[in-house]
Protein backbone atom coordinates (compact mmCIF):
# COMPACT_ATOMS: atom_id res chain seq x y z
CA MET A 1 91.02 -62.99 14.27
CA GLN A 2 88.14 -60.53 14.02
CA GLN A 3 85.75 -62.81 12.16
CA ILE A 4 82.24 -63.07 13.58
CA GLN A 5 79.85 -65.77 12.48
CA SER A 6 76.67 -65.15 14.47
CA ASN A 7 73.62 -63.40 13.07
CA SER A 8 72.92 -61.00 15.93
CA SER A 9 71.32 -57.60 15.34
CA ALA A 10 74.70 -55.99 16.04
CA ASN A 11 75.95 -57.61 12.83
CA GLU A 12 73.53 -55.46 10.82
CA LYS A 13 75.97 -52.58 11.33
CA MET A 14 79.02 -54.73 10.59
CA ILE A 15 80.90 -55.27 7.36
CA LYS A 16 79.71 -58.46 5.66
CA VAL A 17 82.17 -60.46 3.59
CA TYR A 18 80.44 -62.85 1.20
CA ALA A 19 83.11 -65.32 0.20
CA THR A 20 84.26 -68.89 -0.33
CA ASN A 21 87.05 -70.74 1.44
CA TRP A 22 88.90 -71.55 -1.80
CA CYS A 23 89.00 -67.99 -3.17
CA GLY A 24 92.42 -66.28 -2.99
CA ASP A 25 90.92 -62.77 -3.15
CA CYS A 26 88.58 -63.72 -0.28
CA ARG A 27 91.50 -64.90 1.85
CA MET A 28 93.37 -61.67 1.06
CA ALA A 29 90.40 -59.52 2.11
CA ARG A 30 89.97 -61.46 5.35
CA ARG A 31 93.71 -61.19 6.12
CA TRP A 32 93.55 -57.44 5.45
CA PHE A 33 90.60 -56.95 7.80
CA ASP A 34 92.25 -59.13 10.46
CA ALA A 35 95.60 -57.31 10.16
CA HIS A 36 93.89 -53.93 10.56
CA GLY A 37 91.62 -55.02 13.42
CA VAL A 38 88.45 -54.45 11.39
CA PRO A 39 85.57 -56.64 12.59
CA TYR A 40 83.47 -58.33 9.94
CA GLU A 41 80.95 -61.08 9.46
CA TYR A 42 82.21 -63.88 7.19
CA ILE A 43 79.47 -65.50 5.12
CA ASN A 44 80.44 -68.58 3.10
CA ILE A 45 78.17 -68.59 0.04
CA GLU A 46 78.86 -72.28 -0.53
CA GLU A 47 77.13 -73.05 2.76
CA ASP A 48 74.37 -70.43 2.62
CA ASP A 49 72.04 -70.56 -0.41
CA ARG A 50 70.35 -67.25 0.41
CA ALA A 51 73.73 -65.54 0.64
CA ALA A 52 74.75 -67.05 -2.71
CA GLU A 53 71.52 -65.77 -4.28
CA TYR A 54 72.20 -62.30 -2.84
CA VAL A 55 75.72 -62.25 -4.32
CA VAL A 56 74.41 -63.24 -7.75
CA ARG A 57 71.67 -60.61 -7.56
CA VAL A 58 73.93 -57.69 -6.58
CA ASN A 59 76.54 -58.73 -9.16
CA HIS A 60 74.03 -58.86 -12.04
CA GLY A 61 74.15 -62.65 -12.44
CA ALA A 62 77.80 -63.21 -11.52
CA ARG A 63 78.89 -65.19 -8.48
CA SER A 64 81.76 -62.77 -7.77
CA VAL A 65 83.58 -63.07 -4.47
CA PRO A 66 84.50 -61.50 -2.27
CA THR A 67 81.46 -59.27 -2.31
CA ILE A 68 81.88 -56.95 0.65
CA VAL A 69 78.90 -55.00 1.96
CA PHE A 70 79.54 -52.03 4.24
CA PRO A 71 77.15 -50.67 6.87
CA ASP A 72 76.43 -47.64 4.66
CA GLY A 73 75.07 -49.99 1.98
CA SER A 74 78.00 -49.61 -0.39
CA ILE A 75 79.53 -52.71 -1.95
CA LEU A 76 83.04 -53.57 -3.12
CA VAL A 77 83.55 -56.63 -5.30
CA GLU A 78 86.97 -58.26 -5.51
CA PRO A 79 88.67 -55.17 -4.04
CA SER A 80 92.42 -54.69 -3.81
CA PRO A 81 94.05 -53.91 -0.45
CA ARG A 82 94.36 -50.29 -1.65
CA GLU A 83 90.61 -50.12 -2.35
CA LEU A 84 89.84 -51.53 1.12
CA ALA A 85 92.12 -48.98 2.75
CA SER A 86 90.56 -46.15 0.76
CA LYS A 87 87.03 -47.23 1.67
CA LEU A 88 87.78 -47.49 5.37
CA THR A 89 89.45 -44.08 5.57
CA GLN A 90 86.40 -42.30 4.13
């Protein structure tokens, strides 16, 4: 599993997956990253109020998960496996 849960400065250049444990789309995204060996930081918005506020802010009031933030600053919300693959081959 490629999940990283620390908040080191190296994580600033890592993909951040804002998610919940119960969300099926979140589990799919994590499985996709794991299967493709893509490291990411998993942030459970149910356990981190600041992360939950961030998700609501970037999604214009919606608590949409997964919200995936890439090192280039781009964001995918509830992406399909095809959208993840397309993003990571850019």
